């Protein structure tokens, strides 16, 4: 992240030793270390949350894509089912009409 080498860290340590003093330097270093640790954990948690959201969004897109690809097949199946039902109704109507026609053409006998 930052391009800090050994000499830069040594210079920061020397300035801190002069400004803060040798008595309080260990306590300040410990406090800075704690804050750096908290900051790193916070950044790691944020990265993990972002990764989870990205993965969830990718899964949602994959699911939507699969639904769109499966939808035409479902539509074709439904259209075929409707066509077959229409053919069935037409056949039943034709049989019913033929049956009525035969009933009308046969002479009725009286007992």
PDB file of N, CA and C in Angstrom:
ATOM      1  N   UNK A   1       0.832  -1.173   0.000  1.00  0.00           N
ATOM      2  CA  UNK A   1       0.000   0.000   0.000  1.00  0.00           C
ATOM      3  C   UNK A   1       0.884   1.246   0.000  1.00  0.00           C
ATOM      4  N   UNK A   2       1.624   1.453   1.068  1.00  0.00           N
ATOM      5  CA  UNK A   2       2.574   2.556   1.105  1.00  0.00           C
ATOM      6  C   UNK A   2       3.945   1.991   0.787  1.00  0.00           C
ATOM      7  N   UNK A   3       4.743   2.776   0.098  1.00  0.00           N
ATOM      8  CA  UNK A   3       6.086   2.333  -0.222  1.00  0.00           C
ATOM      9  C   UNK A   3       7.031   2.890   0.830  1.00  0.00           C
ATOM     10  N   UNK A   4       7.076   2.188   1.969  1.00  0.00           N
ATOM     11  CA  UNK A   4       7.904   2.626   3.084  1.00  0.00           C
ATOM     12  C   UNK A   4       9.006   1.593   3.267  1.00  0.00           C
ATOM     13  N   UNK A   5      10.237   2.040   3.143  1.00  0.00           N
ATOM     14  CA  UNK A   5      11.371   1.141   3.292  1.00  0.00           C
ATOM     15  C   UNK A   5      11.943   1.178   4.699  1.00  0.00           C
ATOM     16  N   UNK A   6      13.066   0.489   4.845  1.00  0.00           N
ATOM     17  CA  UNK A   6      13.708   0.400   6.156  1.00  0.00           C
ATOM     18  C   UNK A   6      14.169   1.761   6.639  1.00  0.00           C
ATOM     19  N   UNK A   7      14.777   2.555   5.784  1.00  0.00           N
ATOM     20  CA  UNK A   7      15.327   3.841   6.199  1.00  0.00           C
ATOM     21  C   UNK A   7      14.226   4.818   6.586  1.00  0.00           C
ATOM     22  N   UNK A   8      13.106   4.744   5.909  1.00  0.00           N
ATOM     23  CA  UNK A   8      11.991   5.617   6.300  1.00  0.00           C
ATOM     24  C   UNK A   8      11.476   5.244   7.686  1.00  0.00           C
ATOM     25  N   UNK A   9      11.364   3.936   7.949  1.00  0.00           N
ATOM     26  CA  UNK A   9      10.911   3.494   9.276  1.00  0.00           C
ATOM     27  C   UNK A   9      11.921   3.881  10.353  1.00  0.00           C
ATOM     28  N   UNK A  10      13.214   3.764  10.051  1.00  0.00           N
ATOM     29  CA  UNK A  10      14.246   4.146  11.020  1.00  0.00           C
ATOM     30  C   UNK A  10      14.165   5.642  11.320  1.00  0.00           C
ATOM     31  N   UNK A  11      13.933   6.464  10.308  1.00  0.00           N
ATOM     32  CA  UNK A  11      13.811   7.903  10.512  1.00  0.00           C
ATOM     33  C   UNK A  11      12.577   8.235  11.353  1.00  0.00           C
ATOM     34  N   UNK A  12      11.450   7.574  11.076  1.00  0.00           N
ATOM     35  CA  UNK A  12      10.228   7.787  11.866  1.00  0.00           C
ATOM     36  C   UNK A  12      10.468   7.376  13.316  1.00  0.00           C
ATOM     37  N   UNK A  13      11.151   6.243  13.534  1.00  0.00           N
ATOM     38  CA  UNK A  13      11.464   5.792  14.895  1.00  0.00           C
ATOM     39  C   UNK A  13      12.365   6.761  15.628  1.00  0.00           C
ATOM     40  N   UNK A  14      13.358   7.310  14.958  1.00  0.00           N
ATOM     41  CA  UNK A  14      14.265   8.262  15.576  1.00  0.00           C
ATOM     42  C   UNK A  14      13.542   9.553  15.960  1.00  0.00           C
ATOM     43  N   UNK A  15      12.703  10.059  15.062  1.00  0.00           N
ATOM     44  CA  UNK A  15      11.924  11.264  15.365  1.00  0.00           C
ATOM     45  C   UNK A  15      10.975  11.005  16.525  1.00  0.00           C
ATOM     46  N   UNK A  16      10.340   9.825  16.532  1.00  0.00           N
ATOM     47  CA  UNK A  16       9.427   9.490  17.624  1.00  0.00           C
ATOM     48  C   UNK A  16      10.181   9.407  18.938  1.00  0.00           C
ATOM     49  N   UNK A  17      11.368   8.834  18.912  1.00  0.00           N
ATOM     50  CA  UNK A  17      12.170   8.733  20.139  1.00  0.00           C
ATOM     51  C   UNK A  17      12.536  10.108  20.668  1.00  0.00           C
ATOM     52  N   UNK A  18      12.859  11.025  19.776  1.00  0.00           N
ATOM     53  CA  UNK A  18      13.241  12.371  20.197  1.00  0.00           C
ATOM     54  C   UNK A  18      12.020  13.148  20.693  1.00  0.00           C
ATOM     55  N   UNK A  19      10.905  13.076  19.959  1.00  0.00           N
ATOM     56  CA  UNK A  19       9.721  13.868  20.303  1.00  0.00           C
ATOM     57  C   UNK A  19       9.012  13.301  21.519  1.00  0.00           C
ATOM     58  N   UNK A  20       8.790  11.996  21.542  1.00  0.00           N
ATOM     59  CA  UNK A  20       7.999  11.389  22.623  1.00  0.00           C
ATOM     60  C   UNK A  20       8.857  11.113  23.851  1.00  0.00           C
ATOM     61  N   UNK A  21      10.035  10.673  23.630  1.00  0.00           N
ATOM     62  CA  UNK A  21      10.924  10.357  24.753  1.00  0.00           C
ATOM     63  C   UNK A  21      10.968   8.862  24.991  1.00  0.00           C
ATOM     64  N   UNK A  22      12.043   8.396  25.599  1.00  0.00           N
ATOM     65  CA  UNK A  22      12.209   6.953  25.802  1.00  0.00           C
ATOM     66  C   UNK A  22      11.245   6.359  26.827  1.00  0.00           C
ATOM     67  N   UNK A  23      10.691   7.174  27.717  1.00  0.00           N
ATOM     68  CA  UNK A  23       9.787   6.632  28.748  1.00  0.00           C
ATOM     69  C   UNK A  23       8.417   6.265  28.167  1.00  0.00           C
ATOM     70  N   UNK A  24       7.909   7.123  27.299  1.00  0.00           N
ATOM     71  CA  UNK A  24       6.553   6.905  26.777  1.00  0.00           C
ATOM     72  C   UNK A  24       6.535   6.201  25.419  1.00  0.00           C
ATOM     73  N   UNK A  25       7.684   5.995  24.808  1.00  0.00           N
ATOM     74  CA  UNK A  25       7.731   5.394  23.469  1.00  0.00           C
ATOM     75  C   UNK A  25       7.145   3.981  23.424  1.00  0.00           C
ATOM     76  N   UNK A  26       7.442   3.080  24.379  1.00  0.00           N
ATOM     77  CA  UNK A  26       6.837   1.739  24.313  1.00  0.00           C
ATOM     78  C   UNK A  26       5.305   1.767  24.391  1.00  0.00           C
ATOM     79  N   UNK A  27       4.751   2.642  25.257  1.00  0.00           N
ATOM     80  CA  UNK A  27       3.296   2.734  25.381  1.00  0.00           C
ATOM     81  C   UNK A  27       2.677   3.267  24.086  1.00  0.00           C
ATOM     82  N   UNK A  28       3.303   4.267  23.478  1.00  0.00           N
ATOM     83  CA  UNK A  28       2.806   4.830  22.221  1.00  0.00           C
ATOM     84  C   UNK A  28       2.898   3.787  21.106  1.00  0.00           C
ATOM     85  N   UNK A  29       4.010   3.050  21.077  1.00  0.00           N
ATOM     86  CA  UNK A  29       4.179   2.016  20.043  1.00  0.00           C
ATOM     87  C   UNK A  29       3.110   0.932  20.198  1.00  0.00           C
ATOM     88  N   UNK A  30       2.822   0.548  21.435  1.00  0.00           N
ATOM     89  CA  UNK A  30       1.783  -0.461  21.686  1.00  0.00           C
ATOM     90  C   UNK A  30       0.418   0.047  21.229  1.00  0.00           C
ATOM     91  N   UNK A  31       0.109   1.302  21.555  1.00  0.00           N
ATOM     92  CA  UNK A  31      -1.165   1.893  21.151  1.00  0.00           C
ATOM     93  C   UNK A  31      -1.277   1.984  19.627  1.00  0.00           C
ATOM     94  N   UNK A  32      -0.206   2.409  18.986  1.00  0.00           N
ATOM     95  CA  UNK A  32      -0.214   2.485  17.519  1.00  0.00           C
ATOM     96  C   UNK A  32      -0.395   1.096  16.922  1.00  0.00           C
ATOM     97  N   UNK A  33       0.258   0.105  17.503  1.00  0.00           N
ATOM     98  CA  UNK A  33       0.101  -1.273  17.025  1.00  0.00           C
ATOM     99  C   UNK A  33      -1.328  -1.768  17.162  1.00  0.00           C
ATOM    100  N   UNK A  34      -1.973  -1.433  18.289  1.00  0.00           N
ATOM    101  CA  UNK A  34      -3.376  -1.820  18.484  1.00  0.00           C
ATOM    102  C   UNK A  34      -4.280  -1.169  17.442  1.00  0.00           C
ATOM    103  N   UNK A  35      -4.051   0.120  17.198  1.00  0.00           N
ATOM    104  CA  UNK A  35      -4.874   0.817  16.204  1.00  0.00           C
ATOM    105  C   UNK A  35      -4.640   0.284  14.800  1.00  0.00           C
ATOM    106  N   UNK A  36      -3.396  -0.041  14.483  1.00  0.00           N
ATOM    107  CA  UNK A  36      -3.110  -0.622  13.163  1.00  0.00           C
ATOM    108  C   UNK A  36      -3.789  -1.985  13.003  1.00  0.00           C
ATOM    109  N   UNK A  37      -3.767  -2.783  14.073  1.00  0.00           N
ATOM    110  CA  UNK A  37      -4.438  -4.085  14.036  1.00  0.00           C
ATOM    111  C   UNK A  37      -5.937  -3.943  13.833  1.00  0.00           C
ATOM    112  N   UNK A  38      -6.528  -2.992  14.551  1.00  0.00           N
ATOM    113  CA  UNK A  38      -7.969  -2.751  14.384  1.00  0.00           C
ATOM    114  C   UNK A  38      -8.289  -2.283  12.961  1.00  0.00           C
ATOM    115  N   UNK A  39      -7.436  -1.406  12.457  1.00  0.00           N
ATOM    116  CA  UNK A  39      -7.639  -0.918  11.087  1.00  0.00           C
ATOM    117  C   UNK A  39      -7.536  -2.048  10.068  1.00  0.00           C
ATOM    118  N   UNK A  40      -6.553  -2.918  10.234  1.00  0.00           N
ATOM    119  CA  UNK A  40      -6.402  -4.048   9.306  1.00  0.00           C
ATOM    120  C   UNK A  40      -7.594  -4.999   9.393  1.00  0.00           C
ATOM    121  N   UNK A  41      -8.059  -5.282  10.610  1.00  0.00           N
ATOM    122  CA  UNK A  41      -9.234  -6.152  10.764  1.00  0.00           C
ATOM    123  C   UNK A  41     -10.470  -5.523  10.118  1.00  0.00           C
ATOM    124  N   UNK A  42     -10.615  -4.203  10.302  1.00  0.00           N
ATOM    125  CA  UNK A  42     -11.746  -3.508   9.698  1.00  0.00           C
ATOM    126  C   UNK A  42     -11.690  -3.603   8.175  1.00  0.00           C
ATOM    127  N   UNK A  43     -10.503  -3.357   7.609  1.00  0.00           N
ATOM    128  CA  UNK A  43     -10.347  -3.444   6.154  1.00  0.00           C
ATOM    129  C   UNK A  43     -10.604  -4.870   5.674  1.00  0.00           C
ATOM    130  N   UNK A  44     -10.120  -5.873   6.420  1.00  0.00           N
ATOM    131  CA  UNK A  44     -10.349  -7.269   6.036  1.00  0.00           C
ATOM    132  C   UNK A  44     -11.840  -7.604   6.069  1.00  0.00           C
ATOM    133  N   UNK A  45     -12.557  -7.114   7.083  1.00  0.00           N
ATOM    134  CA  UNK A  45     -14.000  -7.356   7.156  1.00  0.00           C
ATOM    135  C   UNK A  45     -14.745  -6.688   6.007  1.00  0.00           C
ATOM    136  N   UNK A  46     -14.341  -5.469   5.683  1.00  0.00           N
ATOM    137  CA  UNK A  46     -14.985  -4.770   4.571  1.00  0.00           C
ATOM    138  C   UNK A  46     -14.736  -5.516   3.260  1.00  0.00           C
ATOM    139  N   UNK A  47     -13.504  -5.968   3.050  1.00  0.00           N
ATOM    140  CA  UNK A  47     -13.189  -6.740   1.844  1.00  0.00           C
ATOM    141  C   UNK A  47     -14.018  -8.023   1.779  1.00  0.00           C
ATOM    142  N   UNK A  48     -14.137  -8.713   2.915  1.00  0.00           N
ATOM    143  CA  UNK A  48     -14.919  -9.951   2.949  1.00  0.00           C
ATOM    144  C   UNK A  48     -16.390  -9.669   2.625  1.00  0.00           C
ATOM    145  N   UNK A  49     -16.942  -8.591   3.173  1.00  0.00           N
ATOM    146  CA  UNK A  49     -18.334  -8.231   2.888  1.00  0.00           C
ATOM    147  C   UNK A  49     -18.532  -7.899   1.407  1.00  0.00           C
ATOM    148  N   UNK A  50     -17.586  -7.162   0.852  1.00  0.00           N
ATOM    149  CA  UNK A  50     -17.684  -6.816  -0.571  1.00  0.00           C
ATOM    150  C   UNK A  50     -17.602  -8.071  -1.426  1.00  0.00           C
ATOM    151  N   UNK A  51     -16.695  -8.982  -1.079  1.00  0.00           N
ATOM    152  CA  UNK A  51     -16.578 -10.234  -1.833  1.00  0.00           C
ATOM    153  C   UNK A  51     -17.874 -11.043  -1.754  1.00  0.00           C
ATOM    154  N   UNK A  52     -18.486 -11.085  -0.578  1.00  0.00           N
ATOM    155  CA  UNK A  52     -19.753 -11.806  -0.429  1.00  0.00           C
ATOM    156  C   UNK A  52     -20.839 -11.188  -1.306  1.00  0.00           C
ATOM    157  N   UNK A  53     -20.915  -9.864  -1.315  1.00  0.00           N
ATOM    158  CA  UNK A  53     -21.919  -9.181  -2.126  1.00  0.00           C
ATOM    159  C   UNK A  53     -21.684  -9.437  -3.616  1.00  0.00           C
ATOM    160  N   UNK A  54     -20.421  -9.404  -4.033  1.00  0.00           N
ATOM    161  CA  UNK A  54     -20.107  -9.651  -5.439  1.00  0.00           C
ATOM    162  C   UNK A  54     -20.485 -11.073  -5.820  1.00  0.00           C
ATOM    163  N   UNK A  55     -20.166 -12.034  -4.973  1.00  0.00           N
ATOM    164  CA  UNK A  55     -20.518 -13.429  -5.255  1.00  0.00           C
ATOM    165  C   UNK A  55     -22.028 -13.605  -5.295  1.00  0.00           C
ATOM    166  N   UNK A  56     -22.734 -12.967  -4.372  1.00  0.00           N
ATOM    167  CA  UNK A  56     -24.196 -13.066  -4.369  1.00  0.00           C
ATOM    168  C   UNK A  56     -24.778 -12.460  -5.640  1.00  0.00           C
ATOM    169  N   UNK A  57     -24.233 -11.341  -6.085  1.00  0.00           N
ATOM    170  CA  UNK A  57     -24.711 -10.706  -7.316  1.00  0.00           C
ATOM    171  C   UNK A  57     -24.422 -11.586  -8.531  1.00  0.00           C
ATOM    172  N   UNK A  58     -23.243 -12.210  -8.553  1.00  0.00           N
ATOM    173  CA  UNK A  58     -22.905 -13.113  -9.664  1.00  0.00           C
ATOM    174  C   UNK A  58     -23.860 -14.306  -9.696  1.00  0.00           C
ATOM    175  N   UNK A  59     -24.163 -14.859  -8.518  1.00  0.00           N
ATOM    176  CA  UNK A  59     -25.095 -15.987  -8.464  1.00  0.00           C
ATOM    177  C   UNK A  59     -26.485 -15.574  -8.923  1.00  0.00           C
ATOM    178  N   UNK A  60     -26.903 -14.373  -8.556  1.00  0.00           N
ATOM    179  CA  UNK A  60     -28.205 -13.875  -8.982  1.00  0.00           C
ATOM    180  C   UNK A  60     -28.248 -13.720 -10.499  1.00  0.00           C
ATOM    181  N   UNK A  61     -27.166 -13.199 -11.088  1.00  0.00           N
ATOM    182  CA  UNK A  61     -27.108 -13.048 -12.545  1.00  0.00           C
ATOM    183  C   UNK A  61     -27.140 -14.402 -13.240  1.00  0.00           C
ATOM    184  N   UNK A  62     -26.418 -15.387 -12.697  1.00  0.00           N
ATOM    185  CA  UNK A  62     -26.425 -16.733 -13.280  1.00  0.00           C
ATOM    186  C   UNK A  62     -27.824 -17.326 -13.209  1.00  0.00           C
ATOM    187  N   UNK A  63     -28.492 -17.159 -12.087  1.00  0.00           N
ATOM    188  CA  UNK A  63     -29.855 -17.680 -11.931  1.00  0.00           C
ATOM    189  C   UNK A  63     -30.812 -17.012 -12.908  1.00  0.00           C
ATOM    190  N   UNK A  64     -30.724 -15.691 -13.044  1.00  0.00           N
ATOM    191  CA  UNK A  64     -31.571 -14.980 -14.006  1.00  0.00           C
ATOM    192  C   UNK A  64     -31.303 -15.449 -15.432  1.00  0.00           C
ATOM    193  N   UNK A  65     -30.051 -15.674 -15.753  1.00  0.00           N
ATOM    194  CA  UNK A  65     -29.675 -16.136 -17.093  1.00  0.00           C
ATOM    195  C   UNK A  65     -30.262 -17.523 -17.361  1.00  0.00           C
ATOM    196  N   UNK A  66     -30.192 -18.401 -16.375  1.00  0.00           N
ATOM    197  CA  UNK A  66     -30.760 -19.738 -16.540  1.00  0.00           C
ATOM    198  C   UNK A  66     -32.272 -19.677 -16.678  1.00  0.00           C
ATOM    199  N   UNK A  67     -32.911 -18.798 -15.943  1.00  0.00           N
ATOM    200  CA  UNK A  67     -34.365 -18.665 -16.045  1.00  0.00           C
ATOM    201  C   UNK A  67     -34.749 -18.164 -17.436  1.00  0.00           C
ATOM    202  N   UNK A  68     -33.988 -17.190 -17.954  1.00  0.00           N
ATOM    203  CA  UNK A  68     -34.275 -16.677 -19.299  1.00  0.00           C
ATOM    204  C   UNK A  68     -34.057 -17.753 -20.352  1.00  0.00           C
ATOM    205  N   UNK A  69     -33.050 -18.594 -20.174  1.00  0.00           N
ATOM    206  CA  UNK A  69     -32.786 -19.646 -21.147  1.00  0.00           C
ATOM    207  C   UNK A  69     -33.833 -20.746 -21.061  1.00  0.00           C
ATOM    208  N   UNK A  70     -34.346 -21.023 -19.887  1.00  0.00           N
ATOM    209  CA  UNK A  70     -35.352 -22.070 -19.716  1.00  0.00           C
ATOM    210  C   UNK A  70     -36.737 -21.581 -20.110  1.00  0.00           C
ATOM    211  N   UNK A  71     -36.976 -20.295 -20.083  1.00  0.00           N
ATOM    212  CA  UNK A  71     -38.288 -19.736 -20.363  1.00  0.00           C
ATOM    213  C   UNK A  71     -38.787 -20.044 -21.772  1.00  0.00           C
ATOM    214  N   UNK A  72     -37.995 -19.930 -22.841  1.00  0.00           N
ATOM    215  CA  UNK A  72     -38.498 -20.269 -24.170  1.00  0.00           C
ATOM    216  C   UNK A  72     -38.948 -21.727 -24.266  1.00  0.00           C
ATOM    217  N   UNK A  73     -38.221 -22.636 -23.643  1.00  0.00           N
ATOM    218  CA  UNK A  73     -38.620 -24.035 -23.663  1.00  0.00           C
ATOM    219  C   UNK A  73     -39.959 -24.206 -22.955  1.00  0.00           C
ATOM    220  N   UNK A  74     -40.145 -23.498 -21.878  1.00  0.00           N
ATOM    221  CA  UNK A  74     -41.413 -23.573 -21.142  1.00  0.00           C
ATOM    222  C   UNK A  74     -42.554 -23.009 -21.994  1.00  0.00           C
ATOM    223  N   UNK A  75     -42.288 -21.920 -22.703  1.00  0.00           N
ATOM    224  CA  UNK A  75     -43.318 -21.329 -23.559  1.00  0.00           C
ATOM    225  C   UNK A  75     -43.696 -22.285 -24.693  1.00  0.00           C
ATOM    226  N   UNK A  76     -42.711 -22.921 -25.304  1.00  0.00           N
ATOM    227  CA  UNK A  76     -42.983 -23.877 -26.380  1.00  0.00           C
ATOM    228  C   UNK A  76     -43.805 -25.035 -25.850  1.00  0.00           C
ATOM    229  N   UNK A  77     -43.455 -25.534 -24.681  1.00  0.00           N
ATOM    230  CA  UNK A  77     -44.204 -26.629 -24.072  1.00  0.00           C
ATOM    231  C   UNK A  77     -45.646 -26.217 -23.792  1.00  0.00           C
ATOM    232  N   UNK A  78     -45.849 -25.027 -23.287  1.00  0.00           N
ATOM    233  CA  UNK A  78     -47.200 -24.546 -22.990  1.00  0.00           C
ATOM    234  C   UNK A  78     -48.015 -24.361 -24.268  1.00  0.00           C
ATOM    235  N   UNK A  79     -47.391 -23.811 -25.312  1.00  0.00           N
ATOM    236  CA  UNK A  79     -48.099 -23.653 -26.597  1.00  0.00           C
ATOM    237  C   UNK A  79     -48.493 -25.004 -27.169  1.00  0.00           C
ATOM    238  N   UNK A  80     -47.599 -25.974 -27.081  1.00  0.00           N
ATOM    239  CA  UNK A  80     -47.903 -27.323 -27.577  1.00  0.00           C
ATOM    240  C   UNK A  80     -49.053 -27.928 -26.797  1.00  0.00           C
ATOM    241  N   UNK A  81     -49.061 -27.738 -25.480  1.00  0.00           N
ATOM    242  CA  UNK A  81     -50.138 -28.269 -24.644  1.00  0.00           C
ATOM    243  C   UNK A  81     -51.478 -27.633 -25.044  1.00  0.00           C
ATOM    244  N   UNK A  82     -51.476 -26.326 -25.283  1.00  0.00           N
ATOM    245  CA  UNK A  82     -52.710 -25.645 -25.683  1.00  0.00           C
ATOM    246  C   UNK A  82     -53.187 -26.133 -27.055  1.00  0.00           C
ATOM    247  N   UNK A  83     -52.252 -26.322 -27.980  1.00  0.00           N
ATOM    248  CA  UNK A  83     -52.628 -26.828 -29.314  1.00  0.00           C
ATOM    249  C   UNK A  83     -53.225 -28.227 -29.219  1.00  0.00           C
ATOM    250  N   UNK A  84     -52.631 -29.089 -28.415  1.00  0.00           N
ATOM    251  CA  UNK A  84     -53.160 -30.445 -28.256  1.00  0.00           C
ATOM    252  C   UNK A  84     -54.543 -30.429 -27.606  1.00  0.00           C
ATOM    253  N   UNK A  85     -54.744 -29.557 -26.638  1.00  0.00           N
ATOM    254  CA  UNK A  85     -56.073 -29.442 -26.018  1.00  0.00           C
ATOM    255  C   UNK A  85     -57.106 -28.955 -27.031  1.00  0.00           C
ATOM    256  N   UNK A  86     -56.709 -28.025 -27.897  1.00  0.00           N
ATOM    257  CA  UNK A  86     -57.626 -27.544 -28.940  1.00  0.00           C
ATOM    258  C   UNK A  86     -57.968 -28.656 -29.918  1.00  0.00           C
ATOM    259  N   UNK A  87     -56.973 -29.441 -30.311  1.00  0.00           N
ATOM    260  CA  UNK A  87     -57.228 -30.577 -31.218  1.00  0.00           C
ATOM    261  C   UNK A  87     -58.161 -31.575 -30.554  1.00  0.00           C
ATOM    262  N   UNK A  88     -57.981 -31.819 -29.261  1.00  0.00           N
ATOM    263  CA  UNK A  88     -58.845 -32.739 -28.527  1.00  0.00           C
ATOM    264  C   UNK A  88     -60.286 -32.229 -28.512  1.00  0.00           C
ATOM    265  N   UNK A  89     -60.467 -30.924 -28.247  1.00  0.00           N
ATOM    266  CA  UNK A  89     -61.821 -30.368 -28.232  1.00  0.00           C
ATOM    267  C   UNK A  89     -62.454 -30.446 -29.618  1.00  0.00           C
ATOM    268  N   UNK A  90     -61.673 -30.144 -30.662  1.00  0.00           N
ATOM    269  CA  UNK A  90     -62.213 -30.231 -32.024  1.00  0.00           C
ATOM    270  C   UNK A  90     -62.630 -31.657 -32.355  1.00  0.00           C
ATOM    271  N   UNK A  91     -61.799 -32.625 -31.954  1.00  0.00           N
ATOM    272  CA  UNK A  91     -62.130 -34.028 -32.222  1.00  0.00           C
ATOM    273  C   UNK A  91     -63.387 -34.436 -31.458  1.00  0.00           C
ATOM    274  N   UNK A  92     -63.508 -34.019 -30.205  1.00  0.00           N
ATOM    275  CA  UNK A  92     -64.697 -34.349 -29.425  1.00  0.00           C
ATOM    276  C   UNK A  92     -65.939 -33.709 -30.039  1.00  0.00           C
ATOM    277  N   UNK A  93     -65.821 -32.466 -30.503  1.00  0.00           N
ATOM    278  CA  UNK A  93     -66.959 -31.800 -31.141  1.00  0.00           C
ATOM    279  C   UNK A  93     -67.349 -32.518 -32.437  1.00  0.00           C
ATOM    280  N   UNK A  94     -66.354 -32.948 -33.216  1.00  0.00           N
ATOM    281  CA  UNK A  94     -66.640 -33.661 -34.462  1.00  0.00           C
ATOM    282  C   UNK A  94     -67.327 -34.988 -34.181  1.00  0.00           C
ATOM    283  N   UNK A  95     -66.843 -35.705 -33.176  1.00  0.00           N
ATOM    284  CA  UNK A  95     -67.464 -36.987 -32.809  1.00  0.00           C
ATOM    285  C   UNK A  95     -68.879 -36.759 -32.314  1.00  0.00           C
ATOM    286  N   UNK A  96     -69.071 -35.735 -31.513  1.00  0.00           N
ATOM    287  CA  UNK A  96     -70.410 -35.428 -31.003  1.00  0.00           C
ATOM    288  C   UNK A  96     -71.356 -35.044 -32.142  1.00  0.00           C
ATOM    289  N   UNK A  97     -70.854 -34.237 -33.079  1.00  0.00           N
ATOM    290  CA  UNK A  97     -71.689 -33.840 -34.220  1.00  0.00           C
ATOM    291  C   UNK A  97     -72.015 -35.046 -35.091  1.00  0.00           C
ATOM    292  N   UNK A  98     -71.041 -35.920 -35.313  1.00  0.00           N
ATOM    293  CA  UNK A  98     -71.282 -37.120 -36.120  1.00  0.00           C
ATOM    294  C   UNK A  98     -72.279 -38.027 -35.413  1.00  0.00           C
ATOM    295  N   UNK A  99     -72.181 -38.149 -34.111  1.00  0.00           N
ATOM    296  CA  UNK A  99     -73.106 -38.984 -33.348  1.00  0.00           C
ATOM    297  C   UNK A  99     -74.525 -38.434 -33.446  1.00  0.00           C
ATOM    298  N   UNK A 100     -74.674 -37.127 -33.343  1.00  0.00           N
ATOM    299  CA  UNK A 100     -76.005 -36.518 -33.465  1.00  0.00           C
ATOM    300  C   UNK A 100     -76.547 -36.690 -34.879  1.00  0.00           C
ATOM    301  N   UNK A 101     -75.651 -36.606 -35.863  1.00  0.00           N
ATOM    302  CA  UNK A 101     -76.071 -36.786 -37.258  1.00  0.00           C
ATOM    303  C   UNK A 101     -76.570 -38.208 -37.483  1.00  0.00           C
ATOM    304  N   UNK A 102     -75.875 -39.175 -36.934  1.00  0.00           N
ATOM    305  CA  UNK A 102     -76.301 -40.570 -37.068  1.00  0.00           C
ATOM    306  C   UNK A 102     -77.609 -40.811 -36.352  1.00  0.00           C
ATOM    307  N   UNK A 103     -77.753 -40.218 -35.194  1.00  0.00           N
ATOM    308  CA  UNK A 103     -79.005 -40.372 -34.439  1.00  0.00           C
ATOM    309  C   UNK A 103     -80.179 -39.762 -35.234  1.00  0.00           C
ATOM    310  N   UNK A 104     -79.946 -38.683 -35.911  1.00  0.00           N
ATOM    311  CA  UNK A 104     -81.002 -38.017 -36.671  1.00  0.00           C
ATOM    312  C   UNK A 104     -81.342 -38.796 -37.925  1.00  0.00           C
ATOM    313  N   UNK A 105     -80.373 -39.481 -38.558  1.00  0.00           N
ATOM    314  CA  UNK A 105     -80.596 -40.229 -39.786  1.00  0.00           C
ATOM    315  C   UNK A 105     -81.243 -41.589 -39.554  1.00  0.00           C
ATOM    316  N   UNK A 106     -81.086 -42.179 -38.436  1.00  0.00           N
ATOM    317  CA  UNK A 106     -81.681 -43.502 -38.198  1.00  0.00           C
ATOM    318  C   UNK A 106     -83.164 -43.343 -37.914  1.00  0.00           C
ATOM    319  N   UNK A 107     -83.966 -44.199 -38.571  1.00  0.00           N
ATOM    320  CA  UNK A 107     -85.420 -44.119 -38.313  1.00  0.00           C
ATOM    321  C   UNK A 107     -85.741 -44.646 -36.912  1.00  0.00           C
ATOM    322  N   UNK A 108     -86.656 -44.004 -36.340  1.00  0.00           N
ATOM    323  CA  UNK A 108     -87.052 -44.414 -35.008  1.00  0.00           C
ATOM    324  C   UNK A 108     -88.241 -45.368 -35.134  1.00  0.00           C
ATOM    325  N   UNK A 109     -88.120 -46.476 -34.516  1.00  0.00           N
ATOM    326  CA  UNK A 109     -89.179 -47.489 -34.554  1.00  0.00           C
ATOM    327  C   UNK A 109     -90.011 -47.390 -33.292  1.00  0.00           C
ATOM    328  N   UNK A 110     -91.324 -47.673 -33.526  1.00  0.00           N
ATOM    329  CA  UNK A 110     -92.203 -47.627 -32.371  1.00  0.00           C
ATOM    330  C   UNK A 110     -92.438 -49.045 -31.916  1.00  0.00           C
ATOM    331  N   UNK A 111     -92.389 -49.331 -30.706  1.00  0.00           N
ATOM    332  CA  UNK A 111     -92.635 -50.683 -30.220  1.00  0.00           C
ATOM    333  C   UNK A 111     -94.070 -51.039 -30.091  1.00  0.00           C
TER     334      UNK A 111
END
